[in-house]
Amino acid sequence: MGQRYRYRHHPSQSIFLGYLLVKQERFTQQANAYIRNETYIEGDYLLKSEIDPVKRGIRLIYGGRLIPERTKQEVIAKARHYGLDEENIIIQQGFSLADEEASENLLALNTQQSEINRLRADLAKALHAQDSVVQRQHLGRQLLQELKPLFPEIIACGTADQVVYDDSLRSRNYLTLFLETSDRKRTINNQPKLENWLRSRLATDSVKIYID
């Protein structure tokens, strides 16, 4: 029978492999510390980091704005503080806002924001219109409080918005004021004064007064 030979590791080989493993582990720790502390770039997001302890290399992949070369070099230069070789660090742009797909995404976001702004504007108009209706409903009470010291005979006041059409079907809007008075004759005599006061008070010429 032939002799069988067993391959035996030489002690120096085991020591060397152990040394390599320790060195690679140390590199990995240094690389992780560098990535954790020094790779922030304003306006960009670190999408992915790759560490190659065998080749002692680091690859950083970003997304966001286009990264200027000067900024890349500033980030790479910080590696020396961690015992890393600058020439083995690569910074790549995974995508930038100048890319077509990113531009489409940005356009979609702008479209959504425009729609949100439109809805907000519509809501603001609706709330304003609602407030105006409420104010109109209480306008008669406010006017009565202001008219009473000037025309004491007026005892009630109401308002309504009216739309009047002529024979050509053209429309005009009027604010109609209904007055109840304890002295009808006096109020009728004061009607021109009332109309002038109301036009000035409401800043409109379209006022109709009805006296009861």
N, C-alpha and C. Protein backbone atom coordinates (compact mmCIF):
# COMPACT_ATOMS: atom_id res chain seq x y z
N MET A 1 0.83 -1.18 0.00
CA MET A 1 0.00 0.00 0.00
C MET A 1 0.87 1.25 0.00
N GLY A 2 0.39 2.23 -0.72
CA GLY A 2 1.17 3.45 -0.79
C GLY A 2 1.06 4.24 0.50
N GLN A 3 2.02 5.04 0.72
CA GLN A 3 1.99 5.87 1.92
C GLN A 3 1.05 7.05 1.73
N ARG A 4 0.37 7.39 2.81
CA ARG A 4 -0.50 8.56 2.80
C ARG A 4 0.21 9.72 3.49
N TYR A 5 0.11 10.87 2.83
CA TYR A 5 0.77 12.04 3.40
C TYR A 5 -0.31 13.02 3.88
N ARG A 6 -0.15 13.53 5.04
CA ARG A 6 -1.05 14.55 5.59
C ARG A 6 -0.35 15.91 5.54
N TYR A 7 -1.16 16.87 5.02
CA TYR A 7 -0.60 18.21 4.93
C TYR A 7 -0.76 18.89 6.28
N ARG A 8 0.28 19.38 6.77
CA ARG A 8 0.25 20.05 8.05
C ARG A 8 0.62 21.52 7.89
N HIS A 9 -0.22 22.35 8.56
CA HIS A 9 0.08 23.79 8.52
C HIS A 9 1.33 24.06 9.31
N HIS A 10 2.14 24.85 8.72
CA HIS A 10 3.34 25.28 9.44
C HIS A 10 2.92 26.33 10.48
N PRO A 11 3.41 26.33 11.66
CA PRO A 11 3.03 27.30 12.69
C PRO A 11 3.12 28.74 12.21
N SER A 12 4.09 29.05 11.39
CA SER A 12 4.24 30.43 10.91
C SER A 12 3.07 30.85 10.03
N GLN A 13 2.50 29.87 9.28
CA GLN A 13 1.35 30.18 8.43
C GLN A 13 0.14 30.52 9.29
N SER A 14 -0.10 29.80 10.32
CA SER A 14 -1.23 30.08 11.21
C SER A 14 -1.08 31.44 11.85
N ILE A 15 0.13 31.76 12.25
CA ILE A 15 0.37 33.08 12.85
C ILE A 15 0.09 34.19 11.84
N PHE A 16 0.52 33.96 10.59
CA PHE A 16 0.31 34.97 9.56
C PHE A 16 -1.17 35.17 9.26
N LEU A 17 -1.93 34.04 9.17
CA LEU A 17 -3.37 34.14 8.92
C LEU A 17 -4.07 34.86 10.06
N GLY A 18 -3.66 34.54 11.27
CA GLY A 18 -4.24 35.23 12.42
C GLY A 18 -3.96 36.72 12.38
N TYR A 19 -2.73 37.04 11.97
CA TYR A 19 -2.34 38.45 11.86
C TYR A 19 -3.21 39.18 10.82
N LEU A 20 -3.46 38.50 9.68
CA LEU A 20 -4.29 39.09 8.63
C LEU A 20 -5.72 39.33 9.12
N LEU A 21 -6.26 38.35 9.83
CA LEU A 21 -7.63 38.47 10.34
C LEU A 21 -7.73 39.62 11.33
N VAL A 22 -6.77 39.73 12.20
CA VAL A 22 -6.78 40.83 13.17
C VAL A 22 -6.67 42.17 12.45
N LYS A 23 -5.81 42.22 11.44
CA LYS A 23 -5.61 43.46 10.68
C LYS A 23 -6.88 43.84 9.93
N GLN A 24 -7.54 42.85 9.34
CA GLN A 24 -8.78 43.12 8.61
C GLN A 24 -9.89 43.57 9.56
N GLU A 25 -9.95 42.96 10.74
CA GLU A 25 -10.96 43.36 11.72
C GLU A 25 -10.71 44.79 12.19
N ARG A 26 -9.48 45.12 12.39
CA ARG A 26 -9.14 46.48 12.79
C ARG A 26 -9.51 47.48 11.70
N PHE A 27 -9.24 47.11 10.46
CA PHE A 27 -9.60 47.99 9.35
C PHE A 27 -11.12 48.20 9.31
N THR A 28 -11.87 47.11 9.49
CA THR A 28 -13.33 47.19 9.47
C THR A 28 -13.83 48.13 10.56
N GLN A 29 -13.25 48.05 11.76
CA GLN A 29 -13.64 48.93 12.86
C GLN A 29 -13.32 50.39 12.53
N GLN A 30 -12.13 50.63 11.99
CA GLN A 30 -11.75 51.99 11.63
C GLN A 30 -12.65 52.55 10.52
N ALA A 31 -12.97 51.69 9.54
CA ALA A 31 -13.83 52.12 8.43
C ALA A 31 -15.23 52.46 8.93
N ASN A 32 -15.77 51.63 9.83
CA ASN A 32 -17.10 51.89 10.37
C ASN A 32 -17.12 53.20 11.16
N ALA A 33 -16.08 53.45 11.91
CA ALA A 33 -16.00 54.71 12.67
C ALA A 33 -15.94 55.90 11.74
N TYR A 34 -15.14 55.78 10.69
CA TYR A 34 -15.03 56.85 9.69
C TYR A 34 -16.38 57.11 9.02
N ILE A 35 -17.05 56.05 8.59
CA ILE A 35 -18.36 56.19 7.91
C ILE A 35 -19.38 56.80 8.86
N ARG A 36 -19.35 56.37 10.10
CA ARG A 36 -20.33 56.85 11.08
C ARG A 36 -20.14 58.33 11.41
N ASN A 37 -18.91 58.79 11.44
CA ASN A 37 -18.61 60.13 11.95
C ASN A 37 -18.31 61.19 10.89
N GLU A 38 -17.86 60.79 9.70
CA GLU A 38 -17.27 61.77 8.79
C GLU A 38 -17.89 61.81 7.40
N THR A 39 -18.94 61.07 7.14
CA THR A 39 -19.41 60.97 5.76
C THR A 39 -20.69 61.77 5.49
N TYR A 40 -21.08 62.64 6.42
CA TYR A 40 -22.28 63.46 6.19
C TYR A 40 -22.00 64.52 5.14
N ILE A 41 -22.87 64.62 4.16
CA ILE A 41 -22.81 65.67 3.14
C ILE A 41 -24.17 66.34 3.09
N GLU A 42 -24.20 67.64 3.32
CA GLU A 42 -25.46 68.37 3.36
C GLU A 42 -26.18 68.29 2.00
N GLY A 43 -27.44 67.96 2.04
CA GLY A 43 -28.23 67.87 0.82
C GLY A 43 -28.17 66.52 0.15
N ASP A 44 -27.39 65.58 0.74
CA ASP A 44 -27.27 64.25 0.17
C ASP A 44 -27.48 63.20 1.26
N TYR A 45 -27.84 62.01 0.82
CA TYR A 45 -28.10 60.91 1.74
C TYR A 45 -27.21 59.74 1.38
N LEU A 46 -26.53 59.19 2.39
CA LEU A 46 -25.66 58.04 2.16
C LEU A 46 -26.53 56.79 1.98
N LEU A 47 -26.68 56.39 0.72
CA LEU A 47 -27.55 55.25 0.41
C LEU A 47 -26.93 53.92 0.83
N LYS A 48 -25.62 53.79 0.64
CA LYS A 48 -24.97 52.51 0.88
C LYS A 48 -23.49 52.72 1.12
N SER A 49 -22.93 51.91 2.01
CA SER A 49 -21.48 51.92 2.22
C SER A 49 -20.97 50.50 2.12
N GLU A 50 -19.85 50.33 1.44
CA GLU A 50 -19.25 49.00 1.26
C GLU A 50 -17.83 49.03 1.79
N ILE A 51 -17.50 48.05 2.62
CA ILE A 51 -16.16 47.93 3.19
C ILE A 51 -15.53 46.63 2.69
N ASP A 52 -14.34 46.73 2.13
CA ASP A 52 -13.60 45.56 1.67
C ASP A 52 -12.33 45.45 2.50
N PRO A 53 -12.37 44.65 3.58
CA PRO A 53 -11.19 44.58 4.45
C PRO A 53 -9.99 43.91 3.79
N VAL A 54 -10.23 43.06 2.78
CA VAL A 54 -9.12 42.40 2.10
C VAL A 54 -8.32 43.41 1.28
N LYS A 55 -9.02 44.19 0.47
CA LYS A 55 -8.36 45.21 -0.36
C LYS A 55 -8.22 46.54 0.37
N ARG A 56 -8.75 46.60 1.61
CA ARG A 56 -8.70 47.81 2.42
C ARG A 56 -9.31 49.01 1.70
N GLY A 57 -10.47 48.73 1.10
CA GLY A 57 -11.15 49.76 0.33
C GLY A 57 -12.52 50.09 0.92
N ILE A 58 -13.00 51.30 0.63
CA ILE A 58 -14.32 51.76 1.09
C ILE A 58 -15.03 52.42 -0.09
N ARG A 59 -16.28 52.05 -0.30
CA ARG A 59 -17.09 52.66 -1.36
C ARG A 59 -18.32 53.29 -0.70
N LEU A 60 -18.53 54.58 -0.97
CA LEU A 60 -19.66 55.33 -0.42
C LEU A 60 -20.57 55.75 -1.56
N ILE A 61 -21.85 55.40 -1.48
CA ILE A 61 -22.81 55.70 -2.55
C ILE A 61 -23.87 56.63 -2.00
N TYR A 62 -24.01 57.80 -2.64
CA TYR A 62 -24.92 58.84 -2.16
C TYR A 62 -26.08 59.06 -3.13
N GLY A 63 -27.16 59.60 -2.60
CA GLY A 63 -28.28 60.05 -3.42
C GLY A 63 -28.68 61.46 -2.99
N GLY A 64 -29.09 62.28 -3.94
CA GLY A 64 -29.48 63.66 -3.62
C GLY A 64 -28.92 64.62 -4.63
N ARG A 65 -28.40 65.73 -4.13
CA ARG A 65 -27.82 66.72 -5.04
C ARG A 65 -26.53 66.18 -5.67
N LEU A 66 -26.16 66.77 -6.79
CA LEU A 66 -24.88 66.42 -7.42
C LEU A 66 -23.75 66.89 -6.51
N ILE A 67 -22.86 65.97 -6.13
CA ILE A 67 -21.81 66.28 -5.17
C ILE A 67 -20.62 66.90 -5.90
N PRO A 68 -20.20 68.10 -5.52
CA PRO A 68 -19.02 68.71 -6.15
C PRO A 68 -17.77 67.90 -5.81
N GLU A 69 -16.80 67.92 -6.72
CA GLU A 69 -15.57 67.16 -6.50
C GLU A 69 -14.83 67.63 -5.26
N ARG A 70 -14.90 68.92 -5.00
CA ARG A 70 -14.21 69.47 -3.82
C ARG A 70 -14.80 68.87 -2.54
N THR A 71 -16.11 68.72 -2.50
CA THR A 71 -16.76 68.15 -1.33
C THR A 71 -16.36 66.69 -1.15
N LYS A 72 -16.27 65.96 -2.25
CA LYS A 72 -15.83 64.56 -2.18
C LYS A 72 -14.43 64.48 -1.56
N GLN A 73 -13.53 65.33 -2.01
CA GLN A 73 -12.16 65.28 -1.52
C GLN A 73 -12.08 65.65 -0.04
N GLU A 74 -12.94 66.58 0.39
CA GLU A 74 -12.96 66.95 1.81
C GLU A 74 -13.38 65.78 2.69
N VAL A 75 -14.38 65.02 2.22
CA VAL A 75 -14.83 63.84 2.97
C VAL A 75 -13.74 62.77 2.98
N ILE A 76 -13.12 62.54 1.84
CA ILE A 76 -12.08 61.52 1.74
C ILE A 76 -10.88 61.88 2.62
N ALA A 77 -10.55 63.18 2.66
CA ALA A 77 -9.36 63.60 3.41
C ALA A 77 -9.49 63.30 4.90
N LYS A 78 -10.71 63.22 5.41
CA LYS A 78 -10.91 62.95 6.84
C LYS A 78 -10.55 61.52 7.21
N ALA A 79 -10.36 60.68 6.21
CA ALA A 79 -10.05 59.27 6.48
C ALA A 79 -8.69 59.10 7.14
N ARG A 80 -7.78 60.05 6.91
CA ARG A 80 -6.44 59.91 7.48
C ARG A 80 -6.47 59.91 9.01
N HIS A 81 -7.50 60.54 9.59
CA HIS A 81 -7.60 60.57 11.04
C HIS A 81 -7.96 59.20 11.62
N TYR A 82 -8.33 58.28 10.75
CA TYR A 82 -8.73 56.95 11.19
C TYR A 82 -7.75 55.88 10.71
N GLY A 83 -6.58 56.34 10.25
CA GLY A 83 -5.57 55.41 9.79
C GLY A 83 -5.93 54.73 8.49
N LEU A 84 -6.72 55.38 7.65
CA LEU A 84 -7.18 54.80 6.39
C LEU A 84 -6.48 55.48 5.22
N ASP A 85 -6.27 54.73 4.17
CA ASP A 85 -5.64 55.27 2.96
C ASP A 85 -6.69 56.00 2.12
N GLU A 86 -6.41 57.26 1.83
CA GLU A 86 -7.36 58.08 1.09
C GLU A 86 -7.59 57.55 -0.32
N GLU A 87 -6.53 57.01 -0.94
CA GLU A 87 -6.66 56.56 -2.32
C GLU A 87 -7.56 55.34 -2.46
N ASN A 88 -7.87 54.69 -1.36
CA ASN A 88 -8.72 53.50 -1.42
C ASN A 88 -10.19 53.80 -1.08
N ILE A 89 -10.54 55.07 -1.04
CA ILE A 89 -11.91 55.47 -0.74
C ILE A 89 -12.55 56.05 -2.00
N ILE A 90 -13.68 55.52 -2.36
CA ILE A 90 -14.39 55.94 -3.58
C ILE A 90 -15.77 56.48 -3.19
N ILE A 91 -16.11 57.65 -3.69
CA ILE A 91 -17.43 58.24 -3.48
C ILE A 91 -18.16 58.24 -4.81
N GLN A 92 -19.34 57.64 -4.83
CA GLN A 92 -20.14 57.55 -6.05
C GLN A 92 -21.50 58.21 -5.83
N GLN A 93 -22.06 58.69 -6.94
CA GLN A 93 -23.39 59.28 -6.93
C GLN A 93 -24.37 58.22 -7.40
N GLY A 94 -25.18 57.68 -6.44
CA GLY A 94 -26.18 56.68 -6.82
C GLY A 94 -27.21 57.28 -7.74
N PHE A 95 -27.70 58.46 -7.38
CA PHE A 95 -28.56 59.26 -8.26
C PHE A 95 -28.48 60.69 -7.77
N SER A 96 -28.73 61.61 -8.68
CA SER A 96 -28.78 63.02 -8.31
C SER A 96 -30.08 63.60 -8.83
N LEU A 97 -30.41 64.74 -8.30
CA LEU A 97 -31.65 65.38 -8.73
C LEU A 97 -31.58 65.83 -10.19
N ALA A 98 -30.39 65.75 -10.77
CA ALA A 98 -30.27 66.08 -12.19
C ALA A 98 -30.63 64.88 -13.06
N ASP A 99 -30.69 63.69 -12.46
CA ASP A 99 -31.05 62.51 -13.23
C ASP A 99 -32.51 62.60 -13.66
N GLU A 100 -32.81 61.95 -14.77
CA GLU A 100 -34.16 62.02 -15.34
C GLU A 100 -35.20 61.47 -14.37
N GLU A 101 -34.90 60.30 -13.80
CA GLU A 101 -35.89 59.69 -12.91
C GLU A 101 -36.11 60.55 -11.68
N ALA A 102 -35.01 61.06 -11.12
CA ALA A 102 -35.15 61.90 -9.95
C ALA A 102 -35.90 63.18 -10.29
N SER A 103 -35.66 63.70 -11.49
CA SER A 103 -36.38 64.91 -11.90
C SER A 103 -37.88 64.64 -12.01
N GLU A 104 -38.21 63.45 -12.51
CA GLU A 104 -39.63 63.10 -12.59
C GLU A 104 -40.24 62.99 -11.20
N ASN A 105 -39.47 62.40 -10.29
CA ASN A 105 -39.97 62.30 -8.92
C ASN A 105 -40.16 63.68 -8.31
N LEU A 106 -39.19 64.56 -8.59
CA LEU A 106 -39.30 65.92 -8.07
C LEU A 106 -40.49 66.63 -8.67
N LEU A 107 -40.74 66.42 -9.96
CA LEU A 107 -41.89 67.03 -10.62
C LEU A 107 -43.18 66.52 -9.99
N ALA A 108 -43.23 65.22 -9.69
CA ALA A 108 -44.41 64.66 -9.05
C ALA A 108 -44.64 65.27 -7.68
N LEU A 109 -43.54 65.46 -6.94
CA LEU A 109 -43.67 66.08 -5.62
C LEU A 109 -44.16 67.51 -5.73
N ASN A 110 -43.63 68.25 -6.72
CA ASN A 110 -44.07 69.62 -6.92
C ASN A 110 -45.54 69.68 -7.31
N THR A 111 -45.97 68.71 -8.13
CA THR A 111 -47.38 68.66 -8.53
C THR A 111 -48.27 68.41 -7.32
N GLN A 112 -47.83 67.46 -6.48
CA GLN A 112 -48.60 67.18 -5.27
C GLN A 112 -48.67 68.40 -4.36
N GLN A 113 -47.53 69.09 -4.23
CA GLN A 113 -47.51 70.27 -3.37
C GLN A 113 -48.41 71.36 -3.94
N SER A 114 -48.43 71.51 -5.27
CA SER A 114 -49.30 72.50 -5.89
C SER A 114 -50.77 72.18 -5.62
N GLU A 115 -51.11 70.89 -5.68
CA GLU A 115 -52.48 70.49 -5.41
C GLU A 115 -52.85 70.76 -3.95
N ILE A 116 -51.90 70.49 -3.06
CA ILE A 116 -52.14 70.78 -1.64
C ILE A 116 -52.35 72.27 -1.42
N ASN A 117 -51.52 73.08 -2.08
CA ASN A 117 -51.66 74.54 -1.95
C ASN A 117 -52.99 75.01 -2.50
N ARG A 118 -53.44 74.39 -3.61
CA ARG A 118 -54.73 74.78 -4.19
C ARG A 118 -55.87 74.43 -3.23
N LEU A 119 -55.80 73.25 -2.64
CA LEU A 119 -56.85 72.84 -1.70
C LEU A 119 -56.86 73.74 -0.47
N ARG A 120 -55.68 74.13 -0.03
CA ARG A 120 -55.62 75.05 1.11
C ARG A 120 -56.25 76.39 0.76
N ALA A 121 -55.97 76.88 -0.45
CA ALA A 121 -56.53 78.16 -0.88
C ALA A 121 -58.05 78.06 -0.99
N ASP A 122 -58.55 76.94 -1.55
CA ASP A 122 -60.00 76.74 -1.66
C ASP A 122 -60.65 76.71 -0.28
N LEU A 123 -59.98 76.03 0.66
CA LEU A 123 -60.51 75.95 2.02
C LEU A 123 -60.54 77.33 2.66
N ALA A 124 -59.48 78.11 2.45
CA ALA A 124 -59.44 79.46 3.01
C ALA A 124 -60.56 80.33 2.45
N LYS A 125 -60.81 80.18 1.11
CA LYS A 125 -61.91 80.94 0.50
C LYS A 125 -63.26 80.51 1.07
N ALA A 126 -63.44 79.21 1.25
CA ALA A 126 -64.71 78.71 1.78
C ALA A 126 -64.93 79.21 3.20
N LEU A 127 -63.87 79.19 4.00
CA LEU A 127 -64.00 79.68 5.38
C LEU A 127 -64.27 81.17 5.40
N HIS A 128 -63.61 81.91 4.49
CA HIS A 128 -63.85 83.34 4.41
C HIS A 128 -65.30 83.63 4.00
N ALA A 129 -65.79 82.86 3.01
CA ALA A 129 -67.18 83.04 2.58
C ALA A 129 -68.15 82.71 3.71
N GLN A 130 -67.81 81.66 4.47
CA GLN A 130 -68.67 81.30 5.59
C GLN A 130 -68.68 82.39 6.64
N ASP A 131 -67.50 82.95 6.90
CA ASP A 131 -67.43 84.06 7.86
C ASP A 131 -68.23 85.25 7.38
N SER A 132 -68.18 85.51 6.05
CA SER A 132 -68.93 86.64 5.50
C SER A 132 -70.43 86.44 5.67
N VAL A 133 -70.89 85.21 5.47
CA VAL A 133 -72.32 84.92 5.64
C VAL A 133 -72.74 85.16 7.08
N VAL A 134 -71.91 84.69 8.01
CA VAL A 134 -72.23 84.89 9.43
C VAL A 134 -72.24 86.38 9.76
N GLN A 135 -71.28 87.12 9.22
CA GLN A 135 -71.24 88.56 9.48
C GLN A 135 -72.47 89.25 8.90
N ARG A 136 -72.92 88.83 7.71
CA ARG A 136 -74.12 89.40 7.11
C ARG A 136 -75.35 89.15 7.97
N GLN A 137 -75.39 87.93 8.56
CA GLN A 137 -76.54 87.59 9.38
C GLN A 137 -76.65 88.48 10.61
N HIS A 138 -75.52 88.97 11.09
CA HIS A 138 -75.53 89.83 12.28
C HIS A 138 -75.39 91.31 11.93
N LEU A 139 -75.39 91.62 10.63
CA LEU A 139 -75.21 93.01 10.22
C LEU A 139 -76.36 93.89 10.69
N GLY A 140 -77.59 93.38 10.62
CA GLY A 140 -78.75 94.17 11.05
C GLY A 140 -78.63 94.61 12.50
N ARG A 141 -78.21 93.70 13.36
CA ARG A 141 -78.06 94.05 14.79
C ARG A 141 -76.99 95.11 14.98
N GLN A 142 -75.88 94.99 14.25
CA GLN A 142 -74.82 95.97 14.37
C GLN A 142 -75.27 97.34 13.88
N LEU A 143 -75.99 97.36 12.74
CA LEU A 143 -76.46 98.63 12.21
C LEU A 143 -77.47 99.29 13.15
N LEU A 144 -78.33 98.48 13.75
CA LEU A 144 -79.33 99.04 14.68
C LEU A 144 -78.64 99.72 15.86
N GLN A 145 -77.60 99.11 16.37
CA GLN A 145 -76.86 99.69 17.50
C GLN A 145 -76.22 101.02 17.11
N GLU A 146 -75.80 101.14 15.84
CA GLU A 146 -75.17 102.37 15.39
C GLU A 146 -76.20 103.43 14.99
N LEU A 147 -77.37 102.99 14.48
CA LEU A 147 -78.41 103.93 14.04
C LEU A 147 -79.18 104.53 15.22
N LYS A 148 -79.35 103.78 16.27
CA LYS A 148 -80.21 104.19 17.39
C LYS A 148 -79.82 105.55 17.97
N PRO A 149 -78.54 105.83 18.21
CA PRO A 149 -78.21 107.16 18.75
C PRO A 149 -78.50 108.30 17.77
N LEU A 150 -78.43 108.00 16.45
CA LEU A 150 -78.65 109.04 15.45
C LEU A 150 -80.13 109.21 15.10
N PHE A 151 -80.84 108.08 15.07
CA PHE A 151 -82.26 108.09 14.72
C PHE A 151 -83.02 107.28 15.78
N PRO A 152 -83.35 107.89 16.89
CA PRO A 152 -83.95 107.17 18.03
C PRO A 152 -85.28 106.51 17.70
N GLU A 153 -85.98 107.00 16.67
CA GLU A 153 -87.29 106.43 16.35
C GLU A 153 -87.21 105.04 15.71
N ILE A 154 -86.05 104.65 15.22
CA ILE A 154 -85.88 103.32 14.62
C ILE A 154 -85.80 102.28 15.72
N ILE A 155 -86.68 101.26 15.66
CA ILE A 155 -86.76 100.27 16.75
C ILE A 155 -86.38 98.86 16.28
N ALA A 156 -86.23 98.67 14.97
CA ALA A 156 -85.82 97.35 14.48
C ALA A 156 -85.14 97.53 13.14
N CYS A 157 -84.21 96.59 12.83
CA CYS A 157 -83.45 96.69 11.59
C CYS A 157 -83.10 95.29 11.10
N GLY A 158 -83.25 95.07 9.80
CA GLY A 158 -82.88 93.80 9.20
C GLY A 158 -82.23 94.03 7.85
N THR A 159 -81.40 93.08 7.40
CA THR A 159 -80.71 93.23 6.12
C THR A 159 -80.88 91.96 5.29
N ALA A 160 -80.77 92.14 3.96
CA ALA A 160 -80.81 90.99 3.05
C ALA A 160 -80.09 91.37 1.76
N ASP A 161 -79.43 90.41 1.15
CA ASP A 161 -78.80 90.63 -0.15
C ASP A 161 -79.81 90.29 -1.24
N GLN A 162 -79.98 91.21 -2.18
CA GLN A 162 -80.95 91.04 -3.26
C GLN A 162 -80.26 91.11 -4.62
N VAL A 163 -80.74 90.31 -5.56
CA VAL A 163 -80.28 90.38 -6.95
C VAL A 163 -81.46 90.81 -7.79
N VAL A 164 -81.29 91.94 -8.51
CA VAL A 164 -82.36 92.51 -9.31
C VAL A 164 -82.00 92.42 -10.79
N TYR A 165 -82.93 91.93 -11.62
CA TYR A 165 -82.71 91.79 -13.07
C TYR A 165 -83.54 92.83 -13.81
N ASP A 166 -82.96 93.41 -14.85
CA ASP A 166 -83.73 94.33 -15.68
C ASP A 166 -84.30 93.56 -16.88
N ASP A 167 -84.94 94.28 -17.82
CA ASP A 167 -85.58 93.61 -18.95
C ASP A 167 -84.58 92.99 -19.92
N SER A 168 -83.29 93.34 -19.79
CA SER A 168 -82.25 92.72 -20.62
C SER A 168 -81.57 91.56 -19.89
N LEU A 169 -82.16 91.19 -18.75
CA LEU A 169 -81.66 90.09 -17.92
C LEU A 169 -80.28 90.37 -17.35
N ARG A 170 -79.94 91.66 -17.28
CA ARG A 170 -78.72 92.02 -16.58
C ARG A 170 -79.04 92.14 -15.10
N SER A 171 -78.10 91.73 -14.28
CA SER A 171 -78.36 91.68 -12.84
C SER A 171 -77.55 92.73 -12.10
N ARG A 172 -78.11 93.16 -10.98
CA ARG A 172 -77.41 94.07 -10.07
C ARG A 172 -77.66 93.60 -8.65
N ASN A 173 -76.63 93.68 -7.84
CA ASN A 173 -76.73 93.26 -6.45
C ASN A 173 -77.01 94.46 -5.56
N TYR A 174 -77.93 94.29 -4.64
CA TYR A 174 -78.28 95.34 -3.70
C TYR A 174 -78.27 94.78 -2.28
N LEU A 175 -77.89 95.65 -1.37
CA LEU A 175 -78.10 95.35 0.04
C LEU A 175 -79.40 96.04 0.44
N THR A 176 -80.36 95.24 0.86
CA THR A 176 -81.66 95.77 1.24
C THR A 176 -81.73 95.91 2.75
N LEU A 177 -82.18 97.08 3.19
CA LEU A 177 -82.29 97.37 4.61
C LEU A 177 -83.77 97.58 4.97
N PHE A 178 -84.23 96.82 5.94
CA PHE A 178 -85.63 96.94 6.40
C PHE A 178 -85.62 97.62 7.77
N LEU A 179 -86.35 98.74 7.86
CA LEU A 179 -86.39 99.50 9.10
C LEU A 179 -87.80 99.54 9.65
N GLU A 180 -87.91 99.29 10.94
CA GLU A 180 -89.19 99.47 11.64
C GLU A 180 -89.03 100.68 12.54
N THR A 181 -90.01 101.57 12.47
CA THR A 181 -89.87 102.85 13.16
C THR A 181 -91.12 103.17 13.98
N SER A 182 -90.90 103.93 15.05
CA SER A 182 -92.03 104.39 15.88
C SER A 182 -92.59 105.70 15.36
N ASP A 183 -91.91 106.34 14.43
CA ASP A 183 -92.36 107.60 13.84
C ASP A 183 -92.08 107.51 12.34
N ARG A 184 -93.04 106.95 11.61
CA ARG A 184 -92.84 106.67 10.19
C ARG A 184 -92.56 107.95 9.41
N LYS A 185 -93.33 109.01 9.68
CA LYS A 185 -93.17 110.26 8.94
C LYS A 185 -91.76 110.82 9.12
N ARG A 186 -91.30 110.82 10.34
CA ARG A 186 -89.96 111.35 10.60
C ARG A 186 -88.89 110.51 9.90
N THR A 187 -89.06 109.20 9.93
CA THR A 187 -88.06 108.33 9.30
C THR A 187 -88.05 108.52 7.79
N ILE A 188 -89.25 108.70 7.19
CA ILE A 188 -89.31 108.94 5.74
C ILE A 188 -88.62 110.25 5.40
N ASN A 189 -88.82 111.27 6.22
CA ASN A 189 -88.16 112.56 5.99
C ASN A 189 -86.64 112.43 6.11
N ASN A 190 -86.22 111.52 6.98
CA ASN A 190 -84.78 111.33 7.19
C ASN A 190 -84.18 110.28 6.24
N GLN A 191 -84.98 109.77 5.31
CA GLN A 191 -84.50 108.69 4.45
C GLN A 191 -83.26 109.07 3.66
N PRO A 192 -83.18 110.30 3.07
CA PRO A 192 -81.95 110.67 2.36
C PRO A 192 -80.72 110.63 3.26
N LYS A 193 -80.89 111.10 4.51
CA LYS A 193 -79.77 111.06 5.45
C LYS A 193 -79.39 109.62 5.77
N LEU A 194 -80.43 108.76 5.93
CA LEU A 194 -80.17 107.35 6.21
C LEU A 194 -79.39 106.68 5.06
N GLU A 195 -79.83 106.99 3.84
CA GLU A 195 -79.17 106.38 2.69
C GLU A 195 -77.71 106.83 2.58
N ASN A 196 -77.46 108.13 2.79
CA ASN A 196 -76.08 108.63 2.74
C ASN A 196 -75.22 107.99 3.84
N TRP A 197 -75.81 107.87 5.03
CA TRP A 197 -75.06 107.27 6.14
C TRP A 197 -74.72 105.81 5.83
N LEU A 198 -75.70 105.08 5.28
CA LEU A 198 -75.48 103.67 4.98
C LEU A 198 -74.45 103.49 3.86
N ARG A 199 -74.52 104.35 2.82
CA ARG A 199 -73.54 104.24 1.73
C ARG A 199 -72.12 104.46 2.26
N SER A 200 -71.98 105.44 3.17
CA SER A 200 -70.67 105.70 3.75
C SER A 200 -70.25 104.57 4.69
N ARG A 201 -71.21 104.09 5.47
CA ARG A 201 -70.90 103.04 6.46
C ARG A 201 -70.54 101.73 5.79
N LEU A 202 -71.24 101.37 4.71
CA LEU A 202 -71.04 100.08 4.05
C LEU A 202 -70.14 100.16 2.83
N ALA A 203 -69.72 101.38 2.49
CA ALA A 203 -68.83 101.60 1.33
C ALA A 203 -69.43 101.03 0.05
N THR A 204 -70.71 101.31 -0.20
CA THR A 204 -71.38 100.86 -1.41
C THR A 204 -72.50 101.81 -1.77
N ASP A 205 -72.75 101.94 -3.08
CA ASP A 205 -73.87 102.78 -3.55
C ASP A 205 -75.13 101.95 -3.73
N SER A 206 -75.02 100.63 -3.70
CA SER A 206 -76.16 99.77 -3.98
C SER A 206 -76.88 99.42 -2.67
N VAL A 207 -77.68 100.38 -2.21
CA VAL A 207 -78.42 100.20 -0.96
C VAL A 207 -79.88 100.56 -1.20
N LYS A 208 -80.80 99.71 -0.75
CA LYS A 208 -82.23 99.98 -0.82
C LYS A 208 -82.80 99.97 0.60
N ILE A 209 -83.63 100.96 0.92
CA ILE A 209 -84.21 101.04 2.26
C ILE A 209 -85.71 100.91 2.17
N TYR A 210 -86.26 100.05 3.01
CA TYR A 210 -87.72 99.88 3.12
C TYR A 210 -88.11 100.18 4.55
N ILE A 211 -89.11 101.07 4.69
CA ILE A 211 -89.51 101.56 6.01
C ILE A 211 -90.91 101.00 6.33
N ASP A 212 -91.01 100.43 7.51
CA ASP A 212 -92.30 99.91 7.95
C ASP A 212 -92.80 100.74 9.13
